Amino acid sequence: MGCGSLNFFPTTTCHRLPTGGFPHGLDFDTQEFSLPIGAARVRFRTDVPLCGRATELFISKLGIITDELTQDFEKALDFISNESLAYCEVRDLWQKNVVKLSQEELDRAKQLIERHRLKVSEIASPIFKYHLPGMPSPHPNLSDTFMAADLTDKDTESLLRGVFNLARFFGTSKVRVFSYWRVKEPEKAFPYVRERLANAAALAAQNKITLLLENEHDCNVGTGKELGRMLREINSPYLRGMWDPCNAVRLGEVPYPDGYRHVRGLFLHMHIKDVKKDPTTRELQYVPVGEGLIDFRGQLAALRNDGYDGTMSLETSYSRPDGNKVESTRECLEGLFRVLKSVNA
């Protein structure tokens, strides 16, 4: 089955967005550590709970996807700021996908982020989380479209143009993308997905924006192996990875160390959530970070040793029996801090 030629990437220009530095939301005025973050010497606060060198290193990179807490954007930012984290990841807010917000809503969101002295790690767009033309998926997960289930590949040009503007507006140079709903034989879809992602990366290069391809188990690039292959074959500095170890588990891959071997050095952002098999149903269920199948201790130690200088977001997914999203997120964050503390041991 063919997938048609592409002609939706016009030439555009823009100014480079200033990057670098550390978030203003942290008070770096106590003790100084020399950490492998580029060539910079960065000061970190010493009063972060469960602190240690690994914890201090990653706390400067860590944020939360705001809608994992609540659709009330201000309350989500309150939580992130109160936990002394550095970043927020913007996906859904006020019951809307970020790409569908009005200018008034965007202005309000930016003001709230600035008021909380946070930074946006990247724009978690829904681009390419729809059917591949000519090769529709038999089982699209339409409940996992971030309030953007109506989008199709025909919207790609306008989505890319708009999301590049959103990234600049929110002060980031990174935008998350996917690889179309997963077909029965992803290998057959691979060249068509590669073509579209390569063209999107070319447009991103013109705009000085870096696309982050997430390995998503419902999409054609779902494992570390598949993500590494796609990134290496396209070979563009404007298309990097977003590594999600938990998504890889759902396709049978052992994310660390197996999946990580394929993506090491290729990703600039990471999602953190955990999963394990229900003892009764044998189905995978989300659990607090550190209580599941993923070797996060090994993964985070490897990132520390490799000098990882990207960002990461807690993507809670787990829900307590009472359904309290804020407290579910708190449990996951506390679990992550315990893992980080163990990395220091």
Protein backbone atom coordinates (compact mmCIF):
# COMPACT_ATOMS: atom_id res chain seq x y z
CA MET A 1 0.00 0.00 0.00
CA GLY A 2 1.41 3.39 -0.93
CA CYS A 3 1.39 6.55 1.10
CA GLY A 4 1.60 9.39 -1.41
CA SER A 5 4.20 12.10 -1.90
CA LEU A 6 4.73 15.01 0.43
CA ASN A 7 4.38 18.66 -0.50
CA PHE A 8 3.31 20.34 2.69
CA PHE A 9 6.63 21.83 3.88
CA PRO A 10 7.14 25.37 2.53
CA THR A 11 10.30 27.33 3.16
CA THR A 12 10.08 29.57 6.20
CA THR A 13 12.58 31.51 8.24
CA CYS A 14 12.79 32.62 11.83
CA HIS A 15 15.23 33.86 14.42
CA ARG A 16 17.08 31.39 16.61
CA LEU A 17 15.60 31.04 20.05
CA PRO A 18 18.15 31.72 22.82
CA THR A 19 18.85 28.51 24.74
CA GLY A 20 20.97 27.36 27.63
CA GLY A 21 21.18 28.31 31.25
CA PHE A 22 19.21 27.00 34.18
CA PRO A 23 15.69 27.73 35.39
CA HIS A 24 15.08 30.73 37.57
CA GLY A 25 12.74 28.68 39.72
CA LEU A 26 15.62 27.31 41.79
CA ASP A 27 17.64 29.23 44.33
CA PHE A 28 21.26 28.37 43.58
CA ASP A 29 22.85 30.28 46.43
CA THR A 30 24.13 27.74 48.88
CA GLN A 31 26.77 25.18 47.97
CA GLU A 32 28.54 24.56 44.67
CA PHE A 33 29.12 21.22 42.97
CA SER A 34 31.04 20.48 39.79
CA LEU A 35 28.67 18.42 37.68
CA PRO A 36 29.00 17.09 34.10
CA ILE A 37 26.58 19.51 32.44
CA GLY A 38 28.51 20.64 29.40
CA ALA A 39 31.45 22.79 30.42
CA ALA A 40 29.47 24.82 32.92
CA ARG A 41 30.04 24.99 36.65
CA VAL A 42 26.56 25.04 38.14
CA ARG A 43 25.52 25.76 41.72
CA PHE A 44 22.71 23.69 43.21
CA ARG A 45 20.66 24.19 46.35
CA THR A 46 21.37 21.79 49.19
CA ASP A 47 17.97 21.76 50.88
CA VAL A 48 16.17 19.57 48.33
CA PRO A 49 14.62 16.54 50.07
CA LEU A 50 16.56 13.30 49.66
CA CYS A 51 19.41 15.28 48.18
CA GLY A 52 22.59 13.76 46.88
CA ARG A 53 24.68 14.28 43.84
CA ALA A 54 22.45 12.30 41.49
CA THR A 55 19.37 13.90 42.97
CA GLU A 56 20.87 17.37 42.60
CA LEU A 57 21.93 16.64 39.05
CA PHE A 58 18.50 15.49 37.92
CA ILE A 59 16.43 17.94 39.95
CA SER A 60 17.75 20.67 37.66
CA LYS A 61 16.41 18.76 34.66
CA LEU A 62 13.11 17.51 36.05
CA GLY A 63 9.55 18.64 35.49
CA ILE A 64 6.04 17.23 35.34
CA ILE A 65 3.48 17.04 32.52
CA THR A 66 0.97 19.49 33.96
CA ASP A 67 -2.25 17.69 33.02
CA GLU A 68 -1.05 14.61 34.88
CA LEU A 69 -1.77 16.72 37.97
CA THR A 70 -4.86 18.66 36.95
CA GLN A 71 -6.41 20.56 34.07
CA ASP A 72 -6.20 23.64 36.31
CA PHE A 73 -2.92 24.94 34.95
CA GLU A 74 -2.22 27.31 37.81
CA LYS A 75 -2.72 24.59 40.43
CA ALA A 76 -0.43 22.27 38.47
CA LEU A 77 2.27 24.93 38.40
CA ASP A 78 1.79 25.52 42.12
CA PHE A 79 2.57 21.86 42.77
CA ILE A 80 5.64 21.82 40.51
CA SER A 81 7.01 25.01 42.01
CA ASN A 82 6.38 23.88 45.58
CA GLU A 83 8.35 20.71 44.87
CA SER A 84 11.32 22.86 43.75
CA LEU A 85 11.30 21.35 40.26
CA ALA A 86 12.61 23.25 37.28
CA TYR A 87 10.31 22.54 34.35
CA CYS A 88 6.76 22.04 33.23
CA GLU A 89 5.78 20.08 30.12
CA VAL A 90 2.78 21.57 28.32
CA ARG A 91 0.25 19.20 26.72
CA ASP A 92 -3.36 19.81 27.83
CA LEU A 93 -4.56 22.68 29.97
CA TRP A 94 -8.00 24.01 30.77
CA GLN A 95 -9.55 21.06 28.92
CA LYS A 96 -7.81 21.97 25.65
CA ASN A 97 -4.80 20.70 23.76
CA VAL A 98 -2.02 23.27 23.73
CA VAL A 99 -2.24 23.61 19.93
CA LYS A 100 -5.89 24.66 20.26
CA LEU A 101 -5.52 27.43 22.84
CA SER A 102 -6.60 30.96 21.98
CA GLN A 103 -4.06 33.77 22.09
CA GLU A 104 -5.67 35.02 25.30
CA GLU A 105 -5.25 31.58 26.86
CA LEU A 106 -1.66 31.35 25.66
CA ASP A 107 -0.86 34.73 27.17
CA ARG A 108 -2.38 33.65 30.46
CA ALA A 109 -0.42 30.38 30.45
CA LYS A 110 2.85 32.18 29.77
CA GLN A 111 2.20 34.67 32.56
CA LEU A 112 1.52 31.86 35.01
CA ILE A 113 4.72 30.03 34.02
CA GLU A 114 6.75 33.20 34.48
CA ARG A 115 5.06 33.94 37.81
CA HIS A 116 6.06 30.48 39.06
CA ARG A 117 9.59 30.99 37.72
CA LEU A 118 9.51 27.75 35.72
CA LYS A 119 10.66 26.83 32.23
CA VAL A 120 8.88 24.83 29.54
CA SER A 121 10.89 21.72 28.68
CA GLU A 122 9.15 21.17 25.34
CA ILE A 123 5.79 21.42 23.61
CA ALA A 124 4.08 18.01 23.85
CA SER A 125 2.30 18.26 20.53
CA PRO A 126 0.00 15.58 19.03
CA ILE A 127 1.66 15.80 15.60
CA PHE A 128 1.76 12.47 13.73
CA LYS A 129 -0.48 10.78 16.31
CA TYR A 130 -3.03 9.96 13.65
CA HIS A 131 -3.39 7.50 10.76
CA LEU A 132 -0.62 7.16 8.19
CA PRO A 133 -2.24 7.92 4.81
CA GLY A 134 -2.80 4.71 2.90
CA MET A 135 -1.93 2.51 5.88
CA PRO A 136 -4.50 3.09 8.62
CA SER A 137 -4.06 1.34 11.93
CA PRO A 138 -6.67 -1.29 12.77
CA HIS A 139 -6.60 -0.28 16.44
CA PRO A 140 -5.93 3.44 16.95
CA ASN A 141 -5.94 4.44 20.61
CA LEU A 142 -8.24 7.42 20.19
CA SER A 143 -8.48 7.85 23.96
CA ASP A 144 -4.79 8.79 24.01
CA THR A 145 -4.84 11.83 21.72
CA PHE A 146 -4.66 14.64 24.30
CA MET A 147 -7.96 16.20 23.30
CA ALA A 148 -6.92 16.30 19.65
CA ALA A 149 -8.59 13.19 18.17
CA ASP A 150 -9.98 15.19 15.26
CA LEU A 151 -6.57 15.87 13.72
CA THR A 152 -5.38 14.09 10.57
CA ASP A 153 -2.33 14.13 8.34
CA LYS A 154 -3.96 16.91 6.31
CA ASP A 155 -3.40 19.16 9.32
CA THR A 156 0.33 18.49 9.50
CA GLU A 157 1.53 21.61 7.68
CA SER A 158 -0.50 24.02 9.76
CA LEU A 159 0.27 22.08 12.95
CA LEU A 160 4.00 22.27 12.36
CA ARG A 161 3.90 25.96 11.56
CA GLY A 162 1.79 26.67 14.61
CA VAL A 163 3.74 24.55 17.04
CA PHE A 164 7.04 26.15 16.04
CA ASN A 165 5.50 29.49 16.96
CA LEU A 166 4.26 27.99 20.22
CA ALA A 167 7.75 26.76 21.09
CA ARG A 168 9.24 30.19 20.54
CA PHE A 169 6.40 31.80 22.48
CA PHE A 170 7.04 29.58 25.50
CA GLY A 171 10.82 29.90 25.31
CA THR A 172 11.76 26.40 24.23
CA SER A 173 13.32 25.00 21.08
CA LYS A 174 11.88 21.47 21.43
CA VAL A 175 8.64 19.96 20.11
CA ARG A 176 7.42 16.37 20.65
CA VAL A 177 6.12 14.35 17.69
CA PHE A 178 5.00 10.77 17.05
CA SER A 179 5.15 8.22 14.20
CA TYR A 180 1.49 7.56 13.25
CA TRP A 181 -0.82 4.94 14.72
CA ARG A 182 0.86 1.54 14.75
CA VAL A 183 -0.06 -0.78 11.90
CA LYS A 184 -0.03 -4.57 11.97
CA GLU A 185 3.39 -4.68 10.31
CA PRO A 186 5.32 -1.54 11.34
CA GLU A 187 8.26 -2.56 9.17
CA LYS A 188 6.15 -1.95 6.06
CA ALA A 189 5.23 1.51 7.30
CA PHE A 190 8.80 2.40 8.24
CA PRO A 191 9.94 4.01 4.95
CA TYR A 192 6.81 6.15 4.69
CA VAL A 193 7.09 7.29 8.30
CA ARG A 194 10.81 7.98 7.78
CA GLU A 195 10.05 10.14 4.73
CA ARG A 196 7.53 12.26 6.58
CA LEU A 197 9.68 12.66 9.66
CA ALA A 198 12.69 13.60 7.52
CA ASN A 199 10.67 16.30 5.78
CA ALA A 200 9.38 17.57 9.11
CA ALA A 201 12.94 17.69 10.41
CA ALA A 202 14.01 19.72 7.37
CA LEU A 203 11.30 22.26 8.11
CA ALA A 204 12.27 22.26 11.78
CA ALA A 205 15.86 23.01 10.78
CA GLN A 206 14.72 26.08 8.84
CA ASN A 207 12.99 27.25 12.00
CA LYS A 208 15.80 26.27 14.39
CA ILE A 209 13.45 23.96 16.27
CA THR A 210 14.33 20.42 17.32
CA LEU A 211 11.65 17.75 16.95
CA LEU A 212 11.64 15.04 19.60
CA LEU A 213 10.32 11.70 18.38
CA GLU A 214 8.70 9.79 21.22
CA ASN A 215 8.71 6.00 21.24
CA GLU A 216 5.01 5.35 21.75
CA HIS A 217 3.72 1.78 21.93
CA ASP A 218 0.57 2.71 20.00
CA CYS A 219 2.65 4.20 17.17
CA ASN A 220 5.02 2.77 14.57
CA VAL A 221 8.12 3.75 16.55
CA GLY A 222 7.46 2.19 19.91
CA THR A 223 10.67 0.64 21.27
CA GLY A 224 14.17 1.86 21.89
CA LYS A 225 15.37 -0.28 19.01
CA GLU A 226 12.83 1.26 16.62
CA LEU A 227 13.57 4.77 17.85
CA GLY A 228 17.31 4.39 17.49
CA ARG A 229 16.96 3.04 13.99
CA MET A 230 14.68 5.86 12.85
CA LEU A 231 16.90 8.58 14.28
CA ARG A 232 20.06 7.11 12.81
CA GLU A 233 18.59 6.65 9.35
CA ILE A 234 17.23 10.22 9.20
CA ASN A 235 20.41 11.49 10.85
CA SER A 236 19.32 15.08 11.50
CA PRO A 237 20.32 17.20 14.49
CA TYR A 238 16.81 18.64 14.29
CA LEU A 239 15.19 15.25 14.93
CA ARG A 240 16.20 13.72 18.24
CA GLY A 241 14.48 11.30 20.54
CA MET A 242 12.15 11.42 23.51
CA TRP A 243 12.92 8.24 25.41
CA ASP A 244 10.01 6.61 27.27
CA PRO A 245 11.18 3.36 28.90
CA CYS A 246 7.67 2.44 30.03
CA ASN A 247 6.26 2.61 26.50
CA ALA A 248 8.96 0.18 25.38
CA VAL A 249 7.87 -2.32 28.05
CA ARG A 250 4.41 -2.48 26.51
CA LEU A 251 5.95 -3.86 23.31
CA GLY A 252 8.01 -6.46 25.14
CA GLU A 253 11.34 -4.64 25.20
CA VAL A 254 13.49 -4.50 28.32
CA PRO A 255 14.07 -0.73 28.39
CA TYR A 256 17.23 -0.80 30.47
CA PRO A 257 19.72 -1.90 29.49
CA ASP A 258 18.42 -3.27 26.17
CA GLY A 259 16.38 -0.38 24.79
CA TYR A 260 18.75 2.23 26.14
CA ARG A 261 21.64 0.76 24.14
CA HIS A 262 19.84 1.78 20.95
CA VAL A 263 19.02 5.35 22.00
CA ARG A 264 22.02 6.29 24.12
CA GLY A 265 23.15 9.78 23.15
CA LEU A 266 20.20 10.26 20.77
CA PHE A 267 17.51 11.77 22.99
CA LEU A 268 17.07 15.19 24.62
CA HIS A 269 14.03 14.48 26.78
CA MET A 270 12.72 11.54 28.76
CA HIS A 271 9.38 10.51 30.24
CA ILE A 272 9.36 8.75 33.59
CA LYS A 273 6.56 6.39 34.61
CA ASP A 274 6.51 2.80 35.82
CA VAL A 275 4.46 -0.34 35.22
CA LYS A 276 4.13 -3.91 36.44
CA LYS A 277 1.95 -6.96 35.78
CA ASP A 278 -1.22 -7.35 37.80
CA PRO A 279 -0.84 -10.65 39.68
CA THR A 280 -4.42 -11.63 38.90
CA THR A 281 -5.05 -10.44 35.35
CA ARG A 282 -1.38 -10.52 34.24
CA GLU A 283 -2.06 -7.25 32.47
CA LEU A 284 0.30 -4.30 32.80
CA GLN A 285 -0.78 -1.62 35.23
CA TYR A 286 0.83 1.68 36.19
CA VAL A 287 2.47 1.93 39.60
CA PRO A 288 4.53 4.57 41.45
CA VAL A 289 8.02 5.02 40.06
CA GLY A 290 10.42 2.44 41.47
CA GLU A 291 7.75 -0.18 42.19
CA GLY A 292 7.51 -1.65 38.71
CA LEU A 293 9.42 -3.58 36.09
CA ILE A 294 11.74 -0.81 34.94
CA ASP A 295 15.27 -0.62 36.28
CA PHE A 296 15.20 3.12 36.87
CA ARG A 297 18.16 2.91 39.22
CA GLY A 298 20.29 1.47 36.45
CA GLN A 299 18.83 3.85 33.86
CA LEU A 300 19.42 6.99 35.88
CA ALA A 301 22.89 5.89 36.92
CA ALA A 302 23.71 5.37 33.25
CA LEU A 303 22.42 8.84 32.38
CA ARG A 304 24.54 10.33 35.15
CA ASN A 305 27.63 8.46 34.00
CA ASP A 306 26.98 9.37 30.36
CA GLY A 307 26.72 13.08 31.21
CA TYR A 308 23.12 13.39 30.05
CA ASP A 309 22.28 17.07 29.66
CA GLY A 310 18.67 16.84 28.46
CA THR A 311 15.45 17.26 30.41
CA MET A 312 12.91 14.79 31.79
CA SER A 313 9.28 14.81 32.87
CA LEU A 314 7.34 12.75 35.35
CA GLU A 315 4.35 11.37 33.45
CA THR A 316 2.36 9.99 36.37
CA SER A 317 -0.13 7.69 34.55
CA TYR A 318 -0.57 5.79 37.84
CA SER A 319 -3.82 6.41 39.71
CA ARG A 320 -4.44 5.71 43.37
CA PRO A 321 -7.63 3.83 44.28
CA ASP A 322 -9.25 7.13 45.24
CA GLY A 323 -8.42 8.63 41.83
CA ASN A 324 -6.64 11.66 43.33
CA LYS A 325 -4.30 12.78 40.53
CA VAL A 326 -2.30 15.18 42.68
CA GLU A 327 -1.58 12.62 45.37
CA SER A 328 -0.91 9.95 42.75
CA THR A 329 1.70 12.25 41.25
CA ARG A 330 3.15 12.94 44.69
CA GLU A 331 3.58 9.20 45.28
CA CYS A 332 5.36 8.84 41.93
CA LEU A 333 7.61 11.81 42.61
CA GLU A 334 8.54 10.49 46.05
CA GLY A 335 9.29 7.12 44.44
CA LEU A 336 11.53 8.82 41.90
CA PHE A 337 13.39 10.67 44.66
CA ARG A 338 13.97 7.36 46.45
CA VAL A 339 15.41 5.89 43.26
CA LEU A 340 17.66 8.91 42.85
CA LYS A 341 18.83 8.58 46.43
CA SER A 342 19.73 4.94 45.79
CA VAL A 343 21.80 5.94 42.79
CA ASN A 344 24.07 7.80 45.20
CA ALA A 345 24.58 4.74 47.40
